[in-house]
Amino acid sequence: MSSNKNAKAYWRENIRYVLILLSIWFLVSYGAGIIFKDALNSIRIGGFKLGFWFAQQGSMYVFVILIFIYVRLMNKLDKKYGYDK
């Protein structure tokens, strides 16, 4: 019964991480690229407006960074629940 509780707690925490990271990605890709585009376009990076940059490049960079964050979080979670063997 204890392993069943550990498995449920593990997946509950895993799903929480996934939802948080997907929310961040959504805010960056949809929010910065579309909703807040006009406000961000007043700032320039490398000659390009920041809203355009987030829509074209930034959301991909953030997605790759979030993948590495997820891997790190999952490694910690695996060690916490003993699934790292």
PDB file of N, CA and C in Angstrom:
ATOM      1  N   MET A   1       0.812  -1.197   0.000  1.00  0.00           N
ATOM      2  CA  MET A   1       0.000   0.000   0.000  1.00  0.00           C
ATOM      3  C   MET A   1       0.860   1.268   0.000  1.00  0.00           C
ATOM      4  N   SER A   2       2.014   1.183   0.643  1.00  0.00           N
ATOM      5  CA  SER A   2       2.898   2.337   0.705  1.00  0.00           C
ATOM      6  C   SER A   2       3.447   2.709  -0.671  1.00  0.00           C
ATOM      7  N   SER A   3       3.769   1.698  -1.487  1.00  0.00           N
ATOM      8  CA  SER A   3       4.283   1.993  -2.825  1.00  0.00           C
ATOM      9  C   SER A   3       3.209   2.629  -3.702  1.00  0.00           C
ATOM     10  N   ASN A   4       1.942   2.260  -3.481  1.00  0.00           N
ATOM     11  CA  ASN A   4       0.843   2.869  -4.224  1.00  0.00           C
ATOM     12  C   ASN A   4       0.709   4.352  -3.860  1.00  0.00           C
ATOM     13  N   LYS A   5       0.866   4.671  -2.579  1.00  0.00           N
ATOM     14  CA  LYS A   5       0.805   6.071  -2.146  1.00  0.00           C
ATOM     15  C   LYS A   5       1.982   6.850  -2.712  1.00  0.00           C
ATOM     16  N   ASN A   6       3.165   6.221  -2.729  1.00  0.00           N
ATOM     17  CA  ASN A   6       4.340   6.880  -3.301  1.00  0.00           C
ATOM     18  C   ASN A   6       4.131   7.150  -4.787  1.00  0.00           C
ATOM     19  N   ALA A   7       3.572   6.187  -5.496  1.00  0.00           N
ATOM     20  CA  ALA A   7       3.344   6.356  -6.928  1.00  0.00           C
ATOM     21  C   ALA A   7       2.343   7.482  -7.199  1.00  0.00           C
ATOM     22  N   LYS A   8       1.287   7.549  -6.406  1.00  0.00           N
ATOM     23  CA  LYS A   8       0.297   8.613  -6.582  1.00  0.00           C
ATOM     24  C   LYS A   8       0.900   9.973  -6.275  1.00  0.00           C
ATOM     25  N   ALA A   9       1.685  10.053  -5.203  1.00  0.00           N
ATOM     26  CA  ALA A   9       2.330  11.317  -4.852  1.00  0.00           C
ATOM     27  C   ALA A   9       3.332  11.739  -5.920  1.00  0.00           C
ATOM     28  N   TYR A  10       4.055  10.765  -6.454  1.00  0.00           N
ATOM     29  CA  TYR A  10       5.024  11.027  -7.518  1.00  0.00           C
ATOM     30  C   TYR A  10       4.329  11.618  -8.741  1.00  0.00           C
ATOM     31  N   TRP A  11       3.254  10.998  -9.193  1.00  0.00           N
ATOM     32  CA  TRP A  11       2.565  11.478 -10.382  1.00  0.00           C
ATOM     33  C   TRP A  11       1.846  12.795 -10.137  1.00  0.00           C
ATOM     34  N   ARG A  12       1.354  12.991  -8.929  1.00  0.00           N
ATOM     35  CA  ARG A  12       0.706  14.259  -8.597  1.00  0.00           C
ATOM     36  C   ARG A  12       1.719  15.396  -8.710  1.00  0.00           C
ATOM     37  N   GLU A  13       2.916  15.174  -8.165  1.00  0.00           N
ATOM     38  CA  GLU A  13       3.958  16.193  -8.235  1.00  0.00           C
ATOM     39  C   GLU A  13       4.457  16.377  -9.671  1.00  0.00           C
ATOM     40  N   ASN A  14       4.550  15.294 -10.418  1.00  0.00           N
ATOM     41  CA  ASN A  14       4.971  15.351 -11.819  1.00  0.00           C
ATOM     42  C   ASN A  14       3.979  16.184 -12.637  1.00  0.00           C
ATOM     43  N   ILE A  15       2.717  15.919 -12.483  1.00  0.00           N
ATOM     44  CA  ILE A  15       1.685  16.664 -13.214  1.00  0.00           C
ATOM     45  C   ILE A  15       1.704  18.137 -12.823  1.00  0.00           C
ATOM     46  N   ARG A  16       1.952  18.417 -11.553  1.00  0.00           N
ATOM     47  CA  ARG A  16       2.035  19.812 -11.104  1.00  0.00           C
ATOM     48  C   ARG A  16       3.190  20.525 -11.808  1.00  0.00           C
ATOM     49  N   TYR A  17       4.360  19.866 -11.904  1.00  0.00           N
ATOM     50  CA  TYR A  17       5.502  20.442 -12.617  1.00  0.00           C
ATOM     51  C   TYR A  17       5.162  20.693 -14.081  1.00  0.00           C
ATOM     52  N   VAL A  18       4.535  19.731 -14.715  1.00  0.00           N
ATOM     53  CA  VAL A  18       4.190  19.864 -16.129  1.00  0.00           C
ATOM     54  C   VAL A  18       3.225  21.038 -16.341  1.00  0.00           C
ATOM     55  N   LEU A  19       2.223  21.164 -15.496  1.00  0.00           N
ATOM     56  CA  LEU A  19       1.258  22.255 -15.644  1.00  0.00           C
ATOM     57  C   LEU A  19       1.909  23.619 -15.427  1.00  0.00           C
ATOM     58  N   ILE A  20       2.797  23.715 -14.460  1.00  0.00           N
ATOM     59  CA  ILE A  20       3.490  24.982 -14.212  1.00  0.00           C
ATOM     60  C   ILE A  20       4.374  25.349 -15.407  1.00  0.00           C
ATOM     61  N   LEU A  21       5.144  24.383 -15.904  1.00  0.00           N
ATOM     62  CA  LEU A  21       6.039  24.666 -17.025  1.00  0.00           C
ATOM     63  C   LEU A  21       5.273  24.976 -18.309  1.00  0.00           C
ATOM     64  N   LEU A  22       4.174  24.282 -18.549  1.00  0.00           N
ATOM     65  CA  LEU A  22       3.354  24.584 -19.726  1.00  0.00           C
ATOM     66  C   LEU A  22       2.690  25.957 -19.612  1.00  0.00           C
ATOM     67  N   SER A  23       2.335  26.347 -18.399  1.00  0.00           N
ATOM     68  CA  SER A  23       1.762  27.682 -18.191  1.00  0.00           C
ATOM     69  C   SER A  23       2.789  28.762 -18.504  1.00  0.00           C
ATOM     70  N   ILE A  24       4.030  28.546 -18.074  1.00  0.00           N
ATOM     71  CA  ILE A  24       5.094  29.499 -18.373  1.00  0.00           C
ATOM     72  C   ILE A  24       5.295  29.588 -19.884  1.00  0.00           C
ATOM     73  N   TRP A  25       5.329  28.436 -20.540  1.00  0.00           N
ATOM     74  CA  TRP A  25       5.520  28.439 -21.996  1.00  0.00           C
ATOM     75  C   TRP A  25       4.364  29.139 -22.701  1.00  0.00           C
ATOM     76  N   PHE A  26       3.148  28.908 -22.242  1.00  0.00           N
ATOM     77  CA  PHE A  26       1.987  29.568 -22.823  1.00  0.00           C
ATOM     78  C   PHE A  26       2.083  31.081 -22.658  1.00  0.00           C
ATOM     79  N   LEU A  27       2.437  31.529 -21.453  1.00  0.00           N
ATOM     80  CA  LEU A  27       2.543  32.963 -21.223  1.00  0.00           C
ATOM     81  C   LEU A  27       3.613  33.597 -22.105  1.00  0.00           C
ATOM     82  N   VAL A  28       4.713  32.909 -22.279  1.00  0.00           N
ATOM     83  CA  VAL A  28       5.780  33.462 -23.101  1.00  0.00           C
ATOM     84  C   VAL A  28       5.400  33.438 -24.580  1.00  0.00           C
ATOM     85  N   SER A  29       4.910  32.315 -25.058  1.00  0.00           N
ATOM     86  CA  SER A  29       4.638  32.212 -26.493  1.00  0.00           C
ATOM     87  C   SER A  29       3.383  32.980 -26.902  1.00  0.00           C
ATOM     88  N   TYR A  30       2.302  32.776 -26.197  1.00  0.00           N
ATOM     89  CA  TYR A  30       1.053  33.429 -26.576  1.00  0.00           C
ATOM     90  C   TYR A  30       0.985  34.847 -26.013  1.00  0.00           C
ATOM     91  N   GLY A  31       1.336  34.968 -24.741  1.00  0.00           N
ATOM     92  CA  GLY A  31       1.248  36.283 -24.088  1.00  0.00           C
ATOM     93  C   GLY A  31       2.215  37.295 -24.665  1.00  0.00           C
ATOM     94  N   ALA A  32       3.515  36.957 -24.658  1.00  0.00           N
ATOM     95  CA  ALA A  32       4.511  37.907 -25.131  1.00  0.00           C
ATOM     96  C   ALA A  32       4.468  38.069 -26.638  1.00  0.00           C
ATOM     97  N   GLY A  33       4.152  37.014 -27.359  1.00  0.00           N
ATOM     98  CA  GLY A  33       4.150  37.085 -28.817  1.00  0.00           C
ATOM     99  C   GLY A  33       2.894  37.682 -29.414  1.00  0.00           C
ATOM    100  N   ILE A  34       1.765  37.607 -28.700  1.00  0.00           N
ATOM    101  CA  ILE A  34       0.499  38.058 -29.282  1.00  0.00           C
ATOM    102  C   ILE A  34      -0.189  39.117 -28.412  1.00  0.00           C
ATOM    103  N   ILE A  35      -0.467  38.770 -27.155  1.00  0.00           N
ATOM    104  CA  ILE A  35      -1.255  39.667 -26.301  1.00  0.00           C
ATOM    105  C   ILE A  35      -0.484  40.938 -25.937  1.00  0.00           C
ATOM    106  N   PHE A  36       0.766  40.784 -25.475  1.00  0.00           N
ATOM    107  CA  PHE A  36       1.555  41.929 -25.025  1.00  0.00           C
ATOM    108  C   PHE A  36       2.506  42.439 -26.108  1.00  0.00           C
ATOM    109  N   LYS A  37       2.243  42.061 -27.347  1.00  0.00           N
ATOM    110  CA  LYS A  37       3.121  42.413 -28.469  1.00  0.00           C
ATOM    111  C   LYS A  37       3.296  43.915 -28.602  1.00  0.00           C
ATOM    112  N   ASP A  38       2.209  44.667 -28.527  1.00  0.00           N
ATOM    113  CA  ASP A  38       2.299  46.116 -28.729  1.00  0.00           C
ATOM    114  C   ASP A  38       3.133  46.785 -27.647  1.00  0.00           C
ATOM    115  N   ALA A  39       2.975  46.352 -26.405  1.00  0.00           N
ATOM    116  CA  ALA A  39       3.765  46.941 -25.317  1.00  0.00           C
ATOM    117  C   ALA A  39       5.240  46.553 -25.444  1.00  0.00           C
ATOM    118  N   LEU A  40       5.503  45.320 -25.858  1.00  0.00           N
ATOM    119  CA  LEU A  40       6.886  44.861 -25.984  1.00  0.00           C
ATOM    120  C   LEU A  40       7.583  45.416 -27.223  1.00  0.00           C
ATOM    121  N   ASN A  41       6.833  45.831 -28.214  1.00  0.00           N
ATOM    122  CA  ASN A  41       7.440  46.347 -29.442  1.00  0.00           C
ATOM    123  C   ASN A  41       8.147  47.679 -29.237  1.00  0.00           C
ATOM    124  N   SER A  42       7.941  48.320 -28.098  1.00  0.00           N
ATOM    125  CA  SER A  42       8.664  49.563 -27.831  1.00  0.00           C
ATOM    126  C   SER A  42      10.120  49.298 -27.437  1.00  0.00           C
ATOM    127  N   ILE A  43      10.451  48.047 -27.135  1.00  0.00           N
ATOM    128  CA  ILE A  43      11.811  47.644 -26.773  1.00  0.00           C
ATOM    129  C   ILE A  43      12.415  46.903 -27.961  1.00  0.00           C
ATOM    130  N   ARG A  44      13.682  47.189 -28.259  1.00  0.00           N
ATOM    131  CA  ARG A  44      14.341  46.542 -29.392  1.00  0.00           C
ATOM    132  C   ARG A  44      15.509  45.691 -28.922  1.00  0.00           C
ATOM    133  N   ILE A  45      15.662  44.506 -29.546  1.00  0.00           N
ATOM    134  CA  ILE A  45      16.800  43.613 -29.307  1.00  0.00           C
ATOM    135  C   ILE A  45      17.419  43.303 -30.663  1.00  0.00           C
ATOM    136  N   GLY A  46      18.675  43.681 -30.831  1.00  0.00           N
ATOM    137  CA  GLY A  46      19.362  43.407 -32.088  1.00  0.00           C
ATOM    138  C   GLY A  46      18.691  44.034 -33.293  1.00  0.00           C
ATOM    139  N   GLY A  47      18.022  45.157 -33.097  1.00  0.00           N
ATOM    140  CA  GLY A  47      17.349  45.836 -34.203  1.00  0.00           C
ATOM    141  C   GLY A  47      15.927  45.370 -34.450  1.00  0.00           C
ATOM    142  N   PHE A  48      15.491  44.345 -33.748  1.00  0.00           N
ATOM    143  CA  PHE A  48      14.129  43.831 -33.919  1.00  0.00           C
ATOM    144  C   PHE A  48      13.271  44.199 -32.716  1.00  0.00           C
ATOM    145  N   LYS A  49      12.011  44.408 -32.960  1.00  0.00           N
ATOM    146  CA  LYS A  49      11.085  44.705 -31.869  1.00  0.00           C
ATOM    147  C   LYS A  49      10.944  43.476 -30.987  1.00  0.00           C
ATOM    148  N   LEU A  50      10.866  43.684 -29.670  1.00  0.00           N
ATOM    149  CA  LEU A  50      10.849  42.578 -28.717  1.00  0.00           C
ATOM    150  C   LEU A  50       9.624  41.681 -28.889  1.00  0.00           C
ATOM    151  N   GLY A  51       8.471  42.248 -29.202  1.00  0.00           N
ATOM    152  CA  GLY A  51       7.277  41.433 -29.436  1.00  0.00           C
ATOM    153  C   GLY A  51       7.461  40.498 -30.616  1.00  0.00           C
ATOM    154  N   PHE A  52       8.039  41.000 -31.690  1.00  0.00           N
ATOM    155  CA  PHE A  52       8.335  40.176 -32.860  1.00  0.00           C
ATOM    156  C   PHE A  52       9.359  39.099 -32.503  1.00  0.00           C
ATOM    157  N   TRP A  53      10.383  39.482 -31.744  1.00  0.00           N
ATOM    158  CA  TRP A  53      11.430  38.533 -31.364  1.00  0.00           C
ATOM    159  C   TRP A  53      10.847  37.374 -30.552  1.00  0.00           C
ATOM    160  N   PHE A  54       9.974  37.677 -29.580  1.00  0.00           N
ATOM    161  CA  PHE A  54       9.354  36.611 -28.782  1.00  0.00           C
ATOM    162  C   PHE A  54       8.487  35.709 -29.651  1.00  0.00           C
ATOM    163  N   ALA A  55       7.771  36.291 -30.580  1.00  0.00           N
ATOM    164  CA  ALA A  55       6.904  35.477 -31.439  1.00  0.00           C
ATOM    165  C   ALA A  55       7.721  34.575 -32.353  1.00  0.00           C
ATOM    166  N   GLN A  56       8.879  35.034 -32.810  1.00  0.00           N
ATOM    167  CA  GLN A  56       9.656  34.272 -33.779  1.00  0.00           C
ATOM    168  C   GLN A  56      10.742  33.410 -33.139  1.00  0.00           C
ATOM    169  N   GLN A  57      11.412  33.906 -32.125  1.00  0.00           N
ATOM    170  CA  GLN A  57      12.579  33.223 -31.580  1.00  0.00           C
ATOM    171  C   GLN A  57      12.451  32.901 -30.093  1.00  0.00           C
ATOM    172  N   GLY A  58      11.994  33.873 -29.334  1.00  0.00           N
ATOM    173  CA  GLY A  58      12.024  33.775 -27.879  1.00  0.00           C
ATOM    174  C   GLY A  58      11.248  32.602 -27.315  1.00  0.00           C
ATOM    175  N   SER A  59      10.087  32.327 -27.877  1.00  0.00           N
ATOM    176  CA  SER A  59       9.291  31.222 -27.342  1.00  0.00           C
ATOM    177  C   SER A  59       9.983  29.880 -27.565  1.00  0.00           C
ATOM    178  N   MET A  60      10.748  29.754 -28.649  1.00  0.00           N
ATOM    179  CA  MET A  60      11.491  28.506 -28.879  1.00  0.00           C
ATOM    180  C   MET A  60      12.632  28.362 -27.873  1.00  0.00           C
ATOM    181  N   TYR A  61      13.336  29.479 -27.607  1.00  0.00           N
ATOM    182  CA  TYR A  61      14.413  29.434 -26.620  1.00  0.00           C
ATOM    183  C   TYR A  61      13.874  29.085 -25.234  1.00  0.00           C
ATOM    184  N   VAL A  62      12.766  29.706 -24.884  1.00  0.00           N
ATOM    185  CA  VAL A  62      12.164  29.427 -23.578  1.00  0.00           C
ATOM    186  C   VAL A  62      11.728  27.974 -23.501  1.00  0.00           C
ATOM    187  N   PHE A  63      11.180  27.425 -24.575  1.00  0.00           N
ATOM    188  CA  PHE A  63      10.755  26.034 -24.583  1.00  0.00           C
ATOM    189  C   PHE A  63      11.940  25.096 -24.346  1.00  0.00           C
ATOM    190  N   VAL A  64      13.060  25.354 -24.991  1.00  0.00           N
ATOM    191  CA  VAL A  64      14.248  24.517 -24.798  1.00  0.00           C
ATOM    192  C   VAL A  64      14.762  24.640 -23.369  1.00  0.00           C
ATOM    193  N   ILE A  65      14.768  25.844 -22.817  1.00  0.00           N
ATOM    194  CA  ILE A  65      15.190  26.038 -21.426  1.00  0.00           C
ATOM    195  C   ILE A  65      14.252  25.290 -20.484  1.00  0.00           C
ATOM    196  N   LEU A  66      12.947  25.332 -20.755  1.00  0.00           N
ATOM    197  CA  LEU A  66      11.980  24.623 -19.915  1.00  0.00           C
ATOM    198  C   LEU A  66      12.173  23.111 -19.985  1.00  0.00           C
ATOM    199  N   ILE A  67      12.625  22.597 -21.109  1.00  0.00           N
ATOM    200  CA  ILE A  67      12.923  21.165 -21.213  1.00  0.00           C
ATOM    201  C   ILE A  67      14.041  20.799 -20.247  1.00  0.00           C
ATOM    202  N   PHE A  68      15.109  21.603 -20.214  1.00  0.00           N
ATOM    203  CA  PHE A  68      16.217  21.337 -19.299  1.00  0.00           C
ATOM    204  C   PHE A  68      15.778  21.475 -17.837  1.00  0.00           C
ATOM    205  N   ILE A  69      14.927  22.447 -17.551  1.00  0.00           N
ATOM    206  CA  ILE A  69      14.401  22.603 -16.194  1.00  0.00           C
ATOM    207  C   ILE A  69      13.568  21.381 -15.813  1.00  0.00           C
ATOM    208  N   TYR A  70      12.744  20.899 -16.744  1.00  0.00           N
ATOM    209  CA  TYR A  70      11.921  19.715 -16.471  1.00  0.00           C
ATOM    210  C   TYR A  70      12.791  18.489 -16.192  1.00  0.00           C
ATOM    211  N   VAL A  71      13.849  18.310 -16.965  1.00  0.00           N
ATOM    212  CA  VAL A  71      14.752  17.176 -16.751  1.00  0.00           C
ATOM    213  C   VAL A  71      15.366  17.261 -15.359  1.00  0.00           C
ATOM    214  N   ARG A  72      15.796  18.442 -14.978  1.00  0.00           N
ATOM    215  CA  ARG A  72      16.394  18.606 -13.637  1.00  0.00           C
ATOM    216  C   ARG A  72      15.369  18.328 -12.537  1.00  0.00           C
ATOM    217  N   LEU A  73      14.168  18.864 -12.698  1.00  0.00           N
ATOM    218  CA  LEU A  73      13.122  18.626 -11.705  1.00  0.00           C
ATOM    219  C   LEU A  73      12.767  17.150 -11.610  1.00  0.00           C
ATOM    220  N   MET A  74      12.694  16.479 -12.742  1.00  0.00           N
ATOM    221  CA  MET A  74      12.346  15.056 -12.730  1.00  0.00           C
ATOM    222  C   MET A  74      13.453  14.210 -12.127  1.00  0.00           C
ATOM    223  N   ASN A  75      14.714  14.571 -12.342  1.00  0.00           N
ATOM    224  CA  ASN A  75      15.801  13.846 -11.696  1.00  0.00           C
ATOM    225  C   ASN A  75      15.721  13.973 -10.182  1.00  0.00           C
ATOM    226  N   LYS A  76      15.410  15.176  -9.697  1.00  0.00           N
ATOM    227  CA  LYS A  76      15.240  15.375  -8.257  1.00  0.00           C
ATOM    228  C   LYS A  76      14.038  14.584  -7.738  1.00  0.00           C
ATOM    229  N   LEU A  77      12.955  14.602  -8.505  1.00  0.00           N
ATOM    230  CA  LEU A  77      11.745  13.886  -8.105  1.00  0.00           C
ATOM    231  C   LEU A  77      11.982  12.378  -8.080  1.00  0.00           C
ATOM    232  N   ASP A  78      12.706  11.868  -9.065  1.00  0.00           N
ATOM    233  CA  ASP A  78      13.028  10.442  -9.082  1.00  0.00           C
ATOM    234  C   ASP A  78      13.844  10.045  -7.860  1.00  0.00           C
ATOM    235  N   LYS A  79      14.817  10.865  -7.489  1.00  0.00           N
ATOM    236  CA  LYS A  79      15.613  10.567  -6.300  1.00  0.00           C
ATOM    237  C   LYS A  79      14.770  10.644  -5.034  1.00  0.00           C
ATOM    238  N   LYS A  80      13.864  11.608  -4.980  1.00  0.00           N
ATOM    239  CA  LYS A  80      13.009  11.791  -3.802  1.00  0.00           C
ATOM    240  C   LYS A  80      12.141  10.560  -3.550  1.00  0.00           C
ATOM    241  N   TYR A  81      11.612   9.964  -4.616  1.00  0.00           N
ATOM    242  CA  TYR A  81      10.714   8.815  -4.475  1.00  0.00           C
ATOM    243  C   TYR A  81      11.379   7.481  -4.737  1.00  0.00           C
ATOM    244  N   GLY A  82      12.677   7.484  -4.967  1.00  0.00           N
ATOM    245  CA  GLY A  82      13.403   6.223  -5.121  1.00  0.00           C
ATOM    246  C   GLY A  82      13.266   5.559  -6.478  1.00  0.00           C
ATOM    247  N   TYR A  83      12.970   6.332  -7.512  1.00  0.00           N
ATOM    248  CA  TYR A  83      12.833   5.787  -8.855  1.00  0.00           C
ATOM    249  C   TYR A  83      14.081   6.038  -9.707  1.00  0.00           C
ATOM    250  N   ASP A  84      15.187   6.388  -9.083  1.00  0.00           N
ATOM    251  CA  ASP A  84      16.391   6.741  -9.817  1.00  0.00           C
ATOM    252  C   ASP A  84      17.305   5.553 -10.082  1.00  0.00           C
ATOM    253  N   LYS A  85      16.879   4.376  -9.789  1.00  0.00           N
ATOM    254  CA  LYS A  85      17.736   3.173  -9.947  1.00  0.00           C
ATOM    255  C   LYS A  85      17.702   2.630 -11.333  1.00  0.00           C
TER     256      LYS A  85
END
